[in-house]
């Protein structure tokens, strides 16, 4: 079935042969609308809805009867097939005369009523349900119905603006993201991580800077990110999972920058009288034992370096003392 083609279609029950006949400017989009309405039990044809509930979706087949190149002929051909297949008397159509809203202009009041949700929270509830459905579809590796459909530049701009408005309203109202608290499947986590790593590698090869490079984050955002990262590291240690960059040797310049940043952070804590974000977070016995061992090794290394330094000093000063004598 081709995309964005107008014509006459039918929804046929393979069990009893009854059908529903309709016309559409975009047949594929109309079929998606039918499936959505039937799944939500909100279809305008009561007969078709009852049959769908009784026989389930597997019993129905969608097919195109005739493609119509001219939209003006849709009603005429739909009426022909309504009569030819007796879709009203023996099928699921409820209106004997073909009709559509093509060319009809709604009033401003009608548009406001259609945009307003039927009940408070309906739109947000539907959005959350849709997000959960998309996650389940991805987990089952079922492609999205609109996969492969190319949206126009105007559509992409409208979607982007709508998403930005939703995010701004959520932040202003103090709301949380609909997916917050819903665990993401491990396969999707690994896939997203691999994709991000590939993007970063491509960016480095092409010499493209990171989009957030040069943007200064607020102190609150920096602190929140630091606390979140610390919690992630603690969970990783408790689970015995090594750090992703473990084994990667940093350059001397990187180590100096990290050390300077840590010193500045410690000075800021002392100046403001704040506590370290790790304070109060219980460590695992393995982490405690590892810390003790590390401190003991560092102490031993310092003592050995101190002994070597004095031995070198004595060896260097001995000839000078003999000359002086």
Protein backbone atom coordinates (compact mmCIF):
# COMPACT_ATOMS: atom_id res chain seq x y z
CA UNK A 1 0.00 0.00 0.00
CA UNK A 2 1.59 3.30 -1.13
CA UNK A 3 1.98 6.32 1.15
CA UNK A 4 -0.27 9.40 0.86
CA UNK A 5 -2.59 7.91 -1.76
CA UNK A 6 -6.29 8.65 -1.82
CA UNK A 7 -8.93 6.06 -2.57
CA UNK A 8 -11.55 3.67 -1.23
CA UNK A 9 -10.71 1.05 1.39
CA UNK A 10 -12.48 -1.62 3.38
CA UNK A 11 -12.01 -3.29 6.76
CA UNK A 12 -13.16 -6.88 6.34
CA UNK A 13 -13.96 -9.47 9.00
CA UNK A 14 -12.31 -12.69 7.80
CA UNK A 15 -14.61 -14.76 10.00
CA UNK A 16 -18.02 -13.73 8.64
CA UNK A 17 -17.14 -11.65 5.55
CA UNK A 18 -18.73 -8.43 6.78
CA UNK A 19 -16.89 -5.21 5.98
CA UNK A 20 -16.66 -1.49 6.62
CA UNK A 21 -16.18 0.80 3.60
CA UNK A 22 -14.60 4.23 3.71
CA UNK A 23 -12.69 6.81 1.69
CA UNK A 24 -9.60 8.82 2.56
CA UNK A 25 -7.20 11.33 1.10
CA UNK A 26 -4.35 9.51 2.87
CA UNK A 27 -5.30 5.83 3.20
CA UNK A 28 -2.38 4.86 5.41
CA UNK A 29 -3.09 7.65 7.90
CA UNK A 30 -6.80 6.76 7.97
CA UNK A 31 -6.00 3.11 8.72
CA UNK A 32 -3.83 4.19 11.65
CA UNK A 33 -6.70 6.34 12.93
CA UNK A 34 -9.13 3.43 12.71
CA UNK A 35 -6.78 1.11 14.61
CA UNK A 36 -6.18 3.70 17.31
CA UNK A 37 -9.90 4.39 17.80
CA UNK A 38 -10.77 0.69 17.82
CA UNK A 39 -8.02 -0.10 20.32
CA UNK A 40 -9.28 2.68 22.62
CA UNK A 41 -12.90 1.54 22.06
CA UNK A 42 -13.86 4.97 20.73
CA UNK A 43 -14.78 4.15 17.12
CA UNK A 44 -17.77 5.98 15.68
CA UNK A 45 -19.18 2.79 14.15
CA UNK A 46 -20.75 0.87 17.03
CA UNK A 47 -21.18 -2.24 14.86
CA UNK A 48 -17.52 -2.32 13.87
CA UNK A 49 -16.41 -1.62 17.44
CA UNK A 50 -18.51 -4.47 18.84
CA UNK A 51 -17.19 -6.88 16.21
CA UNK A 52 -13.60 -5.78 16.91
CA UNK A 53 -14.10 -6.41 20.63
CA UNK A 54 -15.61 -9.81 19.95
CA UNK A 55 -13.26 -11.21 17.29
CA UNK A 56 -10.05 -9.24 18.18
CA UNK A 57 -7.80 -7.40 15.72
CA UNK A 58 -6.40 -10.60 14.15
CA UNK A 59 -9.79 -11.32 12.56
CA UNK A 60 -9.81 -8.11 10.50
CA UNK A 61 -8.02 -7.28 7.27
CA UNK A 62 -7.48 -3.84 5.80
CA UNK A 63 -7.30 -3.54 2.01
CA UNK A 64 -7.63 -0.93 -0.71
CA UNK A 65 -10.53 -1.39 -3.11
CA UNK A 66 -9.70 1.40 -5.52
CA UNK A 67 -7.18 4.23 -5.78
CA UNK A 68 -8.72 7.57 -6.79
CA UNK A 69 -6.35 10.13 -8.34
CA UNK A 70 -8.82 13.02 -7.93
CA UNK A 71 -10.15 13.90 -4.47
CA UNK A 72 -13.40 15.27 -5.94
CA UNK A 73 -14.39 11.73 -6.98
CA UNK A 74 -13.97 10.17 -3.52
CA UNK A 75 -17.58 10.56 -2.35
CA UNK A 76 -18.99 9.32 -5.65
CA UNK A 77 -16.84 6.15 -5.64
CA UNK A 78 -17.40 5.55 -1.92
CA UNK A 79 -21.16 5.66 -2.45
CA UNK A 80 -20.79 3.17 -5.31
CA UNK A 81 -18.91 0.66 -3.13
CA UNK A 82 -21.26 1.18 -0.17
CA UNK A 83 -24.13 0.08 -2.39
CA UNK A 84 -22.15 -2.60 -4.23
CA UNK A 85 -20.99 -4.38 -1.05
CA UNK A 86 -24.16 -3.64 0.95
CA UNK A 87 -21.91 -2.26 3.67
CA UNK A 88 -24.82 -0.70 5.56
CA UNK A 89 -27.36 -3.54 5.35
CA UNK A 90 -24.90 -6.42 5.74
CA UNK A 91 -21.74 -4.72 6.97
CA UNK A 92 -20.46 -2.37 9.64
CA UNK A 93 -21.29 1.03 8.09
CA UNK A 94 -24.04 2.93 9.92
CA UNK A 95 -24.68 5.81 7.47
CA UNK A 96 -26.15 4.95 4.06
CA UNK A 97 -24.84 8.12 2.36
CA UNK A 98 -21.14 8.76 1.76
CA UNK A 99 -19.88 11.96 3.35
CA UNK A 100 -16.65 13.58 4.56
CA UNK A 101 -15.34 16.82 6.07
CA UNK A 102 -13.00 17.64 3.19
CA UNK A 103 -12.91 21.41 2.76
CA UNK A 104 -14.94 22.12 5.90
CA UNK A 105 -13.55 24.99 8.00
CA UNK A 106 -14.13 24.75 11.75
CA UNK A 107 -14.98 27.84 13.78
CA UNK A 108 -12.55 29.18 16.38
CA UNK A 109 -14.85 28.01 19.19
CA UNK A 110 -14.95 24.48 17.75
CA UNK A 111 -11.16 24.42 17.47
CA UNK A 112 -10.81 25.47 21.14
CA UNK A 113 -13.22 22.73 22.22
CA UNK A 114 -11.36 20.10 20.21
CA UNK A 115 -8.01 21.21 21.61
CA UNK A 116 -9.27 21.15 25.19
CA UNK A 117 -9.01 17.65 26.75
CA UNK A 118 -12.26 15.87 27.60
CA UNK A 119 -11.25 15.72 31.25
CA UNK A 120 -8.42 17.13 33.31
CA UNK A 121 -5.18 15.24 32.80
CA UNK A 122 -6.36 13.34 29.72
CA UNK A 123 -3.67 14.64 27.38
CA UNK A 124 -0.85 14.07 29.89
CA UNK A 125 -2.20 10.61 30.74
CA UNK A 126 -2.32 9.70 27.06
CA UNK A 127 1.20 11.02 26.57
CA UNK A 128 2.58 8.92 29.43
CA UNK A 129 0.76 5.84 28.11
CA UNK A 130 2.21 6.49 24.66
CA UNK A 131 5.74 6.78 26.07
CA UNK A 132 5.34 3.48 27.92
CA UNK A 133 3.98 1.86 24.75
CA UNK A 134 7.01 3.07 22.78
CA UNK A 135 9.38 1.60 25.38
CA UNK A 136 7.56 -1.75 25.26
CA UNK A 137 7.71 -1.67 21.46
CA UNK A 138 11.46 -1.00 21.53
CA UNK A 139 12.03 -3.75 24.09
CA UNK A 140 10.15 -6.23 21.87
CA UNK A 141 12.09 -4.91 18.81
CA UNK A 142 8.83 -4.02 17.04
CA UNK A 143 9.35 -1.09 14.61
CA UNK A 144 7.33 2.07 15.08
CA UNK A 145 4.35 2.41 12.70
CA UNK A 146 5.74 5.67 11.31
CA UNK A 147 9.27 4.30 10.84
CA UNK A 148 10.57 5.36 7.44
CA UNK A 149 8.06 8.19 7.05
CA UNK A 150 9.89 11.43 6.21
CA UNK A 151 8.42 14.46 7.95
CA UNK A 152 8.54 17.86 6.35
CA UNK A 153 10.72 20.64 7.74
CA UNK A 154 7.59 22.49 8.88
CA UNK A 155 6.37 19.42 10.82
CA UNK A 156 9.74 18.97 12.52
CA UNK A 157 9.81 22.63 13.60
CA UNK A 158 6.28 22.38 15.02
CA UNK A 159 7.14 19.18 16.93
CA UNK A 160 10.30 20.77 18.32
CA UNK A 161 8.45 23.90 19.48
CA UNK A 162 5.68 21.80 21.07
CA UNK A 163 8.22 19.73 22.99
CA UNK A 164 10.06 22.85 24.18
CA UNK A 165 6.79 24.39 25.39
CA UNK A 166 5.92 21.19 27.27
CA UNK A 167 9.35 21.14 28.93
CA UNK A 168 9.10 24.80 29.93
CA UNK A 169 5.61 24.32 31.41
CA UNK A 170 6.81 21.27 33.34
CA UNK A 171 9.77 23.21 34.79
CA UNK A 172 7.62 26.25 35.69
CA UNK A 173 4.98 24.07 37.38
CA UNK A 174 7.62 22.05 39.19
CA UNK A 175 6.58 18.81 37.51
CA UNK A 176 8.69 15.76 36.75
CA UNK A 177 9.37 14.06 33.45
CA UNK A 178 6.67 11.44 32.66
CA UNK A 179 9.30 8.70 32.39
CA UNK A 180 10.99 9.55 35.69
CA UNK A 181 10.93 6.52 37.96
CA UNK A 182 10.20 4.08 35.12
CA UNK A 183 13.20 1.72 34.78
CA UNK A 184 14.64 1.61 31.29
CA UNK A 185 15.43 -1.86 29.88
CA UNK A 186 19.11 -2.80 29.99
CA UNK A 187 19.18 -3.41 26.23
CA UNK A 188 18.01 0.14 25.56
CA UNK A 189 20.56 1.53 28.03
CA UNK A 190 23.40 -0.31 26.27
CA UNK A 191 22.09 0.75 22.86
CA UNK A 192 21.86 4.43 23.88
CA UNK A 193 25.34 4.31 25.40
CA UNK A 194 26.85 2.74 22.26
CA UNK A 195 25.13 5.33 20.08
CA UNK A 196 26.44 8.20 22.20
CA UNK A 197 29.98 6.81 22.13
CA UNK A 198 29.82 6.51 18.34
CA UNK A 199 28.58 10.11 18.07
CA UNK A 200 31.43 11.32 20.28
CA UNK A 201 34.01 9.44 18.17
CA UNK A 202 32.60 10.84 14.93
CA UNK A 203 32.63 14.32 16.42
CA UNK A 204 36.30 13.99 17.38
CA UNK A 205 37.29 12.67 13.94
CA UNK A 206 35.51 15.54 12.19
CA UNK A 207 36.83 18.11 14.64
CA UNK A 208 33.33 19.21 15.66
CA UNK A 209 33.16 20.63 19.20
CA UNK A 210 30.59 19.35 21.68
CA UNK A 211 27.29 21.33 21.54
CA UNK A 212 27.61 22.28 25.21
CA UNK A 213 31.23 23.41 24.92
CA UNK A 214 31.63 26.96 26.18
CA UNK A 215 28.29 26.95 28.05
CA UNK A 216 28.65 27.78 31.73
CA UNK A 217 26.52 25.77 34.11
CA UNK A 218 25.15 27.25 37.31
CA UNK A 219 26.64 26.26 40.66
CA UNK A 220 23.44 24.40 41.53
CA UNK A 221 23.57 22.33 38.34
CA UNK A 222 27.26 21.54 38.88
CA UNK A 223 26.61 20.40 42.45
CA UNK A 224 23.61 18.29 41.43
CA UNK A 225 25.64 16.62 38.67
CA UNK A 226 28.48 15.95 41.09
CA UNK A 227 26.17 14.38 43.68
CA UNK A 228 24.45 12.26 41.02
CA UNK A 229 27.79 11.05 39.66
CA UNK A 230 28.99 10.17 43.16
CA UNK A 231 25.86 8.10 43.80
CA UNK A 232 26.39 6.28 40.50
CA UNK A 233 29.99 5.53 41.43
CA UNK A 234 28.97 4.17 44.84
CA UNK A 235 26.31 1.92 43.27
CA UNK A 236 28.90 0.71 40.76
CA UNK A 237 31.35 -0.15 43.55
CA UNK A 238 28.70 -1.98 45.58
CA UNK A 239 27.77 -4.02 42.51
CA UNK A 240 31.43 -4.77 41.75
CA UNK A 241 31.25 -3.10 38.33
CA UNK A 242 34.52 -1.44 37.20
CA UNK A 243 34.53 2.19 36.13
CA UNK A 244 34.08 2.64 32.34
CA UNK A 245 37.42 4.47 32.00
CA UNK A 246 39.34 2.12 34.27
CA UNK A 247 42.73 1.31 32.71
CA UNK A 248 42.81 4.47 30.59
CA UNK A 249 45.94 6.48 31.36
CA UNK A 250 45.41 10.20 31.64
CA UNK A 251 47.98 12.68 30.44
CA UNK A 252 50.02 14.77 32.87
CA UNK A 253 48.09 17.86 31.82
CA UNK A 254 44.75 16.15 32.56
CA UNK A 255 45.93 15.01 35.99
CA UNK A 256 47.11 18.51 36.87
CA UNK A 257 43.76 20.02 35.80
CA UNK A 258 41.80 17.45 37.83
CA UNK A 259 43.99 18.06 40.88
CA UNK A 260 43.60 21.84 40.60
CA UNK A 261 39.82 21.51 40.21
CA UNK A 262 39.62 19.27 43.28
CA UNK A 263 41.68 21.75 45.31
CA UNK A 264 39.40 24.62 44.27
CA UNK A 265 36.36 22.57 45.23
CA UNK A 266 37.81 21.76 48.69
CA UNK A 267 38.66 25.45 49.25
CA UNK A 268 35.12 26.46 48.26
CA UNK A 269 33.69 23.95 50.75
CA UNK A 270 35.82 25.36 53.56
CA UNK A 271 35.05 28.97 52.64
CA UNK A 272 31.26 28.40 52.57
CA UNK A 273 31.23 26.03 55.52
CA UNK A 274 29.56 23.34 53.39
CA UNK A 275 29.93 19.61 53.81
CA UNK A 276 31.35 17.21 51.28
CA UNK A 277 28.60 15.54 49.25
CA UNK A 278 29.99 12.13 50.27
CA UNK A 279 29.48 12.87 53.95
CA UNK A 280 26.79 10.68 55.46
CA UNK A 281 26.80 8.14 52.60
CA UNK A 282 27.68 4.72 53.98
CA UNK A 283 30.53 2.91 52.23
CA UNK A 284 30.70 -0.81 51.62
CA UNK A 285 33.16 -2.98 53.62
CA UNK A 286 35.14 -3.59 50.42
CA UNK A 287 35.48 0.15 49.79
CA UNK A 288 36.60 0.74 53.41
CA UNK A 289 39.19 -2.04 53.21
CA UNK A 290 40.43 -0.73 49.87
CA UNK A 291 40.79 2.79 51.32
CA UNK A 292 42.78 1.51 54.29
CA UNK A 293 45.08 -0.47 52.00
CA UNK A 294 45.59 2.52 49.71
CA UNK A 295 46.46 4.84 52.59
CA UNK A 296 48.93 2.27 54.00
CA UNK A 297 50.58 1.89 50.58
CA UNK A 298 50.84 5.67 50.19
CA UNK A 299 52.37 6.00 53.68
CA UNK A 300 54.92 3.27 52.91
CA UNK A 301 55.82 4.93 49.61
CA UNK A 302 56.34 8.28 51.34
CA UNK A 303 58.62 6.68 53.98
CA UNK A 304 60.67 4.90 51.29
CA UNK A 305 61.04 8.10 49.26
CA UNK A 306 62.09 9.97 52.44
CA UNK A 307 64.78 7.35 53.20
CA UNK A 308 66.05 7.44 49.62
CA UNK A 309 66.19 11.21 49.67
CA UNK A 310 68.34 11.27 52.80
CA UNK A 311 70.58 8.49 51.48
CA UNK A 312 71.12 10.48 48.29
CA UNK A 313 71.81 13.64 50.29
CA UNK A 314 74.37 11.87 52.49
CA UNK A 315 76.05 10.30 49.47
CA UNK A 316 76.24 13.69 47.77
CA UNK A 317 77.45 15.58 50.86
CA UNK A 318 80.17 13.02 51.91
CA UNK A 319 82.76 14.00 49.23
CA UNK A 320 82.23 17.67 50.01
CA UNK A 321 82.89 17.05 53.71
CA UNK A 322 86.15 15.22 52.90
CA UNK A 323 87.37 18.08 50.71
CA UNK A 324 86.52 20.56 53.42
CA UNK A 325 88.52 18.56 55.95
